[in-house]
């Protein structure tokens, strides 16, 4: 996987994984983090982005490419809300408010920053 960013939320125990690329690359990331990637192709073909989540795993936001346009950044923000909701539900915290908003902002900010990219290869 060429492009993957891990965003810690609240502490190092909780994080959002953001990746972009074609469906084959996204499937590799999902498998690496323990998700079952059966619906990856249909999810990515029919959406501008998607958030994969499960009770036992970190949420993964999958995008076709790194966000650059207003529409792509809007999609990142939208999927970030889903990812943060997943984490807040796991830790029994209310959805909304300042902590929630700052967490969504952290995901968007880190993805749009070039200085925090993790470009390791996942086989």
N, C-alpha and C. Protein backbone atom coordinates (compact mmCIF):
# COMPACT_ATOMS: atom_id res chain seq x y z
N UNK A 1 0.85 -1.19 0.00
CA UNK A 1 0.00 0.00 0.00
C UNK A 1 0.88 1.23 0.00
N UNK A 2 0.70 2.07 -0.94
CA UNK A 2 1.55 3.24 -1.06
C UNK A 2 1.19 4.32 -0.05
N UNK A 3 -0.06 4.53 0.23
CA UNK A 3 -0.47 5.67 1.04
C UNK A 3 -1.36 5.24 2.20
N UNK A 4 -0.83 5.41 3.39
CA UNK A 4 -1.57 5.06 4.59
C UNK A 4 -1.14 6.01 5.71
N UNK A 5 -2.12 6.51 6.43
CA UNK A 5 -1.86 7.42 7.54
C UNK A 5 -2.62 6.92 8.76
N UNK A 6 -1.94 6.84 9.88
CA UNK A 6 -2.57 6.47 11.16
C UNK A 6 -2.75 7.74 11.97
N UNK A 7 -3.97 7.97 12.43
CA UNK A 7 -4.27 9.17 13.21
C UNK A 7 -4.69 8.74 14.62
N UNK A 8 -3.86 9.00 15.63
CA UNK A 8 -4.25 8.66 17.01
C UNK A 8 -5.42 9.55 17.44
N UNK A 9 -6.36 8.95 18.13
CA UNK A 9 -7.52 9.68 18.66
C UNK A 9 -7.56 9.47 20.16
N UNK A 10 -7.51 10.54 20.93
CA UNK A 10 -7.55 10.56 22.39
C UNK A 10 -6.25 10.05 23.01
N UNK A 11 -5.74 8.93 22.53
CA UNK A 11 -4.47 8.35 22.99
C UNK A 11 -4.00 7.36 21.93
N UNK A 12 -2.94 6.64 22.19
CA UNK A 12 -2.42 5.70 21.19
C UNK A 12 -3.24 4.43 21.05
N UNK A 13 -4.16 4.20 21.97
CA UNK A 13 -4.97 2.99 21.91
C UNK A 13 -6.01 3.04 20.79
N UNK A 14 -6.50 4.22 20.51
CA UNK A 14 -7.54 4.40 19.49
C UNK A 14 -6.95 5.17 18.33
N UNK A 15 -7.23 4.70 17.12
CA UNK A 15 -6.72 5.41 15.94
C UNK A 15 -7.64 5.19 14.76
N UNK A 16 -7.55 6.11 13.83
CA UNK A 16 -8.23 6.00 12.55
C UNK A 16 -7.15 5.78 11.51
N UNK A 17 -7.35 4.79 10.66
CA UNK A 17 -6.44 4.51 9.56
C UNK A 17 -7.07 5.11 8.30
N UNK A 18 -6.31 5.92 7.60
CA UNK A 18 -6.79 6.50 6.34
C UNK A 18 -5.85 6.02 5.24
N UNK A 19 -6.45 5.48 4.17
CA UNK A 19 -5.64 5.01 3.05
C UNK A 19 -6.32 5.38 1.74
N UNK A 20 -5.54 5.40 0.70
CA UNK A 20 -6.11 5.65 -0.62
C UNK A 20 -5.36 4.85 -1.65
N UNK A 21 -6.10 4.55 -2.74
CA UNK A 21 -5.54 3.76 -3.83
C UNK A 21 -6.65 2.97 -4.51
N UNK A 22 -6.26 2.01 -5.33
CA UNK A 22 -7.27 1.19 -6.01
C UNK A 22 -7.79 0.11 -5.04
N UNK A 23 -8.80 -0.63 -5.48
CA UNK A 23 -9.44 -1.61 -4.59
C UNK A 23 -8.47 -2.69 -4.13
N UNK A 24 -7.51 -3.07 -4.97
CA UNK A 24 -6.52 -4.08 -4.58
C UNK A 24 -5.65 -3.58 -3.42
N UNK A 25 -5.23 -2.33 -3.50
CA UNK A 25 -4.42 -1.75 -2.42
C UNK A 25 -5.23 -1.62 -1.14
N UNK A 26 -6.48 -1.20 -1.26
CA UNK A 26 -7.35 -1.05 -0.09
C UNK A 26 -7.57 -2.41 0.58
N UNK A 27 -7.78 -3.45 -0.23
CA UNK A 27 -7.97 -4.80 0.32
C UNK A 27 -6.76 -5.24 1.15
N UNK A 28 -5.56 -4.91 0.69
CA UNK A 28 -4.35 -5.27 1.44
C UNK A 28 -4.33 -4.59 2.80
N UNK A 29 -4.71 -3.33 2.84
CA UNK A 29 -4.73 -2.60 4.11
C UNK A 29 -5.78 -3.20 5.03
N UNK A 30 -6.97 -3.48 4.50
CA UNK A 30 -8.03 -4.06 5.32
C UNK A 30 -7.58 -5.40 5.92
N UNK A 31 -6.98 -6.25 5.11
CA UNK A 31 -6.49 -7.54 5.61
C UNK A 31 -5.41 -7.34 6.67
N UNK A 32 -4.48 -6.42 6.42
CA UNK A 32 -3.40 -6.16 7.36
C UNK A 32 -3.92 -5.78 8.74
N UNK A 33 -5.00 -5.00 8.77
CA UNK A 33 -5.57 -4.56 10.05
C UNK A 33 -6.71 -5.45 10.55
N UNK A 34 -6.90 -6.62 9.93
CA UNK A 34 -7.84 -7.59 10.46
C UNK A 34 -9.25 -7.53 9.91
N UNK A 35 -9.54 -6.63 9.01
CA UNK A 35 -10.87 -6.54 8.41
C UNK A 35 -11.03 -7.59 7.32
N UNK A 36 -12.28 -7.93 7.03
CA UNK A 36 -12.58 -8.83 5.92
C UNK A 36 -12.98 -7.96 4.72
N UNK A 37 -12.17 -7.98 3.67
CA UNK A 37 -12.38 -7.04 2.57
C UNK A 37 -13.32 -7.52 1.45
N UNK A 38 -14.33 -8.34 1.76
CA UNK A 38 -15.18 -8.90 0.71
C UNK A 38 -15.86 -7.85 -0.17
N UNK A 39 -16.28 -6.76 0.42
CA UNK A 39 -17.09 -5.79 -0.32
C UNK A 39 -16.29 -4.56 -0.75
N UNK A 40 -15.00 -4.67 -0.78
CA UNK A 40 -14.17 -3.50 -1.07
C UNK A 40 -14.45 -2.92 -2.45
N UNK A 41 -14.43 -3.75 -3.48
CA UNK A 41 -14.59 -3.24 -4.84
C UNK A 41 -15.92 -2.54 -5.02
N UNK A 42 -17.02 -3.17 -4.60
CA UNK A 42 -18.32 -2.54 -4.77
C UNK A 42 -18.45 -1.29 -3.93
N UNK A 43 -17.88 -1.29 -2.73
CA UNK A 43 -17.95 -0.11 -1.87
C UNK A 43 -17.21 1.06 -2.48
N UNK A 44 -16.04 0.82 -3.05
CA UNK A 44 -15.25 1.90 -3.62
C UNK A 44 -15.78 2.36 -4.97
N UNK A 45 -16.33 1.44 -5.76
CA UNK A 45 -16.86 1.82 -7.06
C UNK A 45 -18.11 2.69 -6.93
N UNK A 46 -18.89 2.45 -5.90
CA UNK A 46 -20.17 3.15 -5.75
C UNK A 46 -20.10 4.36 -4.84
N UNK A 47 -18.95 4.68 -4.30
CA UNK A 47 -18.81 5.78 -3.36
C UNK A 47 -17.55 6.58 -3.64
N UNK A 48 -17.54 7.81 -3.14
CA UNK A 48 -16.34 8.65 -3.24
C UNK A 48 -15.33 8.28 -2.16
N UNK A 49 -15.80 7.55 -1.16
CA UNK A 49 -14.98 7.08 -0.05
C UNK A 49 -15.85 6.21 0.82
N UNK A 50 -15.22 5.48 1.72
CA UNK A 50 -15.99 4.60 2.59
C UNK A 50 -15.23 4.41 3.90
N UNK A 51 -15.97 4.22 4.97
CA UNK A 51 -15.36 3.92 6.27
C UNK A 51 -15.72 2.49 6.64
N UNK A 52 -14.71 1.66 6.82
CA UNK A 52 -14.90 0.28 7.25
C UNK A 52 -14.67 0.23 8.76
N UNK A 53 -15.59 -0.37 9.50
CA UNK A 53 -15.38 -0.50 10.93
C UNK A 53 -16.03 -1.78 11.45
N UNK A 54 -15.51 -2.20 12.58
CA UNK A 54 -15.93 -3.46 13.21
C UNK A 54 -15.63 -3.32 14.69
N UNK A 55 -16.34 -4.05 15.52
CA UNK A 55 -16.17 -3.94 16.98
C UNK A 55 -14.74 -4.10 17.45
N UNK A 56 -13.98 -4.97 16.82
CA UNK A 56 -12.65 -5.31 17.32
C UNK A 56 -11.49 -4.59 16.63
N UNK A 57 -11.77 -3.75 15.66
CA UNK A 57 -10.69 -3.19 14.86
C UNK A 57 -10.76 -1.67 14.78
N UNK A 58 -9.65 -1.06 14.38
CA UNK A 58 -9.62 0.37 14.13
C UNK A 58 -10.46 0.68 12.88
N UNK A 59 -11.18 1.80 12.88
CA UNK A 59 -11.88 2.17 11.65
C UNK A 59 -10.88 2.55 10.56
N UNK A 60 -11.22 2.18 9.32
CA UNK A 60 -10.37 2.48 8.18
C UNK A 60 -11.17 3.29 7.17
N UNK A 61 -10.66 4.45 6.85
CA UNK A 61 -11.26 5.28 5.80
C UNK A 61 -10.50 4.99 4.51
N UNK A 62 -11.23 4.57 3.48
CA UNK A 62 -10.64 4.24 2.19
C UNK A 62 -11.12 5.24 1.15
N UNK A 63 -10.18 5.82 0.43
CA UNK A 63 -10.46 6.82 -0.59
C UNK A 63 -9.77 6.43 -1.88
N UNK A 64 -10.29 6.85 -3.03
CA UNK A 64 -9.63 6.50 -4.29
C UNK A 64 -8.29 7.21 -4.48
N UNK A 65 -8.14 8.42 -3.90
CA UNK A 65 -6.88 9.15 -3.98
C UNK A 65 -6.79 10.12 -2.82
N UNK A 66 -5.58 10.66 -2.60
CA UNK A 66 -5.42 11.63 -1.52
C UNK A 66 -6.28 12.86 -1.82
N UNK A 67 -7.05 13.32 -0.86
CA UNK A 67 -7.95 14.45 -1.09
C UNK A 67 -7.19 15.73 -1.47
N UNK A 68 -7.69 16.37 -2.55
CA UNK A 68 -7.11 17.64 -3.00
C UNK A 68 -8.20 18.67 -3.28
N UNK A 69 -9.31 18.22 -3.86
CA UNK A 69 -10.38 19.15 -4.23
C UNK A 69 -11.33 19.35 -3.05
N UNK A 70 -12.16 20.37 -3.15
CA UNK A 70 -13.16 20.62 -2.10
C UNK A 70 -14.08 19.41 -1.93
N UNK A 71 -14.48 18.78 -3.02
CA UNK A 71 -15.35 17.61 -2.93
C UNK A 71 -14.65 16.44 -2.22
N UNK A 72 -13.38 16.20 -2.55
CA UNK A 72 -12.63 15.11 -1.92
C UNK A 72 -12.40 15.39 -0.43
N UNK A 73 -12.11 16.64 -0.09
CA UNK A 73 -11.91 17.00 1.32
C UNK A 73 -13.24 16.86 2.08
N UNK A 74 -14.33 17.22 1.42
CA UNK A 74 -15.65 17.02 2.02
C UNK A 74 -15.93 15.55 2.29
N UNK A 75 -15.54 14.69 1.35
CA UNK A 75 -15.71 13.25 1.55
C UNK A 75 -14.86 12.76 2.71
N UNK A 76 -13.62 13.21 2.80
CA UNK A 76 -12.76 12.85 3.93
C UNK A 76 -13.41 13.26 5.25
N UNK A 77 -13.92 14.48 5.31
CA UNK A 77 -14.58 14.95 6.54
C UNK A 77 -15.80 14.09 6.87
N UNK A 78 -16.59 13.78 5.86
CA UNK A 78 -17.77 12.93 6.05
C UNK A 78 -17.39 11.56 6.61
N UNK A 79 -16.43 10.91 5.99
CA UNK A 79 -16.01 9.58 6.45
C UNK A 79 -15.33 9.66 7.82
N UNK A 80 -14.66 10.78 8.10
CA UNK A 80 -14.03 10.97 9.41
C UNK A 80 -15.07 10.99 10.52
N UNK A 81 -16.23 11.58 10.25
CA UNK A 81 -17.32 11.57 11.24
C UNK A 81 -17.72 10.13 11.55
N UNK A 82 -17.87 9.30 10.54
CA UNK A 82 -18.23 7.89 10.77
C UNK A 82 -17.16 7.18 11.61
N UNK A 83 -15.89 7.42 11.29
CA UNK A 83 -14.79 6.77 12.01
C UNK A 83 -14.78 7.19 13.48
N UNK A 84 -14.95 8.48 13.73
CA UNK A 84 -14.93 8.97 15.12
C UNK A 84 -16.17 8.50 15.87
N UNK A 85 -17.31 8.44 15.20
CA UNK A 85 -18.51 7.88 15.84
C UNK A 85 -18.24 6.45 16.31
N UNK A 86 -17.59 5.66 15.45
CA UNK A 86 -17.27 4.27 15.80
C UNK A 86 -16.42 4.21 17.06
N UNK A 87 -15.40 5.03 17.14
CA UNK A 87 -14.53 5.04 18.33
C UNK A 87 -15.31 5.51 19.56
N UNK A 88 -16.08 6.58 19.43
CA UNK A 88 -16.82 7.10 20.59
C UNK A 88 -17.86 6.10 21.08
N UNK A 89 -18.49 5.36 20.17
CA UNK A 89 -19.43 4.32 20.60
C UNK A 89 -18.71 3.21 21.37
N UNK A 90 -17.52 2.85 20.93
CA UNK A 90 -16.75 1.81 21.61
C UNK A 90 -16.37 2.21 23.03
N UNK A 91 -16.15 3.50 23.25
CA UNK A 91 -15.73 3.95 24.58
C UNK A 91 -16.87 4.62 25.35
N UNK A 92 -18.08 4.44 24.86
CA UNK A 92 -19.30 4.92 25.52
C UNK A 92 -19.27 6.43 25.78
N UNK A 93 -18.86 7.18 24.77
CA UNK A 93 -18.85 8.64 24.87
C UNK A 93 -19.95 9.22 23.98
N UNK A 94 -20.50 10.35 24.37
CA UNK A 94 -21.56 10.95 23.56
C UNK A 94 -21.03 11.45 22.21
N UNK A 95 -21.86 11.28 21.19
CA UNK A 95 -21.51 11.75 19.85
C UNK A 95 -21.83 13.24 19.79
N UNK A 96 -20.86 14.04 19.40
CA UNK A 96 -21.06 15.48 19.29
C UNK A 96 -20.21 16.22 20.31
N UNK A 97 -20.29 17.53 20.28
CA UNK A 97 -19.54 18.34 21.23
C UNK A 97 -18.12 18.63 20.76
N UNK A 98 -17.40 19.36 21.60
CA UNK A 98 -16.05 19.81 21.25
C UNK A 98 -15.06 18.68 21.06
N UNK A 99 -15.04 17.71 21.96
CA UNK A 99 -14.09 16.61 21.85
C UNK A 99 -14.30 15.84 20.55
N UNK A 100 -15.55 15.60 20.22
CA UNK A 100 -15.89 14.90 18.98
C UNK A 100 -15.43 15.73 17.77
N UNK A 101 -15.75 17.02 17.77
CA UNK A 101 -15.39 17.89 16.65
C UNK A 101 -13.88 17.99 16.48
N UNK A 102 -13.15 18.11 17.58
CA UNK A 102 -11.69 18.18 17.50
C UNK A 102 -11.11 16.87 16.97
N UNK A 103 -11.72 15.75 17.31
CA UNK A 103 -11.25 14.45 16.82
C UNK A 103 -11.44 14.34 15.30
N UNK A 104 -12.60 14.78 14.81
CA UNK A 104 -12.83 14.79 13.36
C UNK A 104 -11.83 15.71 12.68
N UNK A 105 -11.62 16.88 13.27
CA UNK A 105 -10.65 17.83 12.71
C UNK A 105 -9.25 17.26 12.67
N UNK A 106 -8.88 16.48 13.68
CA UNK A 106 -7.54 15.88 13.72
C UNK A 106 -7.32 14.94 12.54
N UNK A 107 -8.34 14.17 12.18
CA UNK A 107 -8.21 13.25 11.05
C UNK A 107 -8.00 14.04 9.76
N UNK A 108 -8.86 15.03 9.53
CA UNK A 108 -8.77 15.83 8.31
C UNK A 108 -7.42 16.56 8.24
N UNK A 109 -7.03 17.18 9.34
CA UNK A 109 -5.78 17.94 9.37
C UNK A 109 -4.57 17.05 9.07
N UNK A 110 -4.52 15.88 9.69
CA UNK A 110 -3.35 15.01 9.51
C UNK A 110 -3.27 14.46 8.08
N UNK A 111 -4.41 14.11 7.51
CA UNK A 111 -4.40 13.59 6.14
C UNK A 111 -3.96 14.67 5.15
N UNK A 112 -4.39 15.88 5.37
CA UNK A 112 -4.05 16.95 4.43
C UNK A 112 -2.63 17.47 4.61
N UNK A 113 -1.98 17.09 5.70
CA UNK A 113 -0.61 17.51 5.96
C UNK A 113 0.35 16.53 5.31
N UNK A 114 1.27 17.02 4.51
CA UNK A 114 2.25 16.15 3.86
C UNK A 114 3.30 15.64 4.83
N UNK A 115 3.49 16.32 5.96
CA UNK A 115 4.58 15.96 6.87
C UNK A 115 4.30 14.72 7.70
N UNK A 116 3.08 14.21 7.68
CA UNK A 116 2.74 13.08 8.55
C UNK A 116 2.40 11.82 7.76
N UNK A 117 2.90 11.69 6.54
CA UNK A 117 2.58 10.53 5.73
C UNK A 117 3.38 9.30 6.14
N UNK A 118 2.74 8.17 6.19
CA UNK A 118 3.38 6.89 6.43
C UNK A 118 3.24 6.12 5.12
N UNK A 119 4.32 6.01 4.38
CA UNK A 119 4.23 5.39 3.05
C UNK A 119 4.91 4.02 3.03
N UNK A 120 4.71 3.25 4.08
CA UNK A 120 5.33 1.92 4.10
C UNK A 120 4.57 0.96 3.19
N UNK A 121 5.24 -0.08 2.80
CA UNK A 121 4.65 -1.09 1.94
C UNK A 121 3.96 -2.14 2.81
N UNK A 122 2.76 -2.51 2.42
CA UNK A 122 2.04 -3.60 3.07
C UNK A 122 1.90 -4.68 2.02
N UNK A 123 2.34 -5.89 2.36
CA UNK A 123 2.30 -6.99 1.40
C UNK A 123 1.11 -7.87 1.64
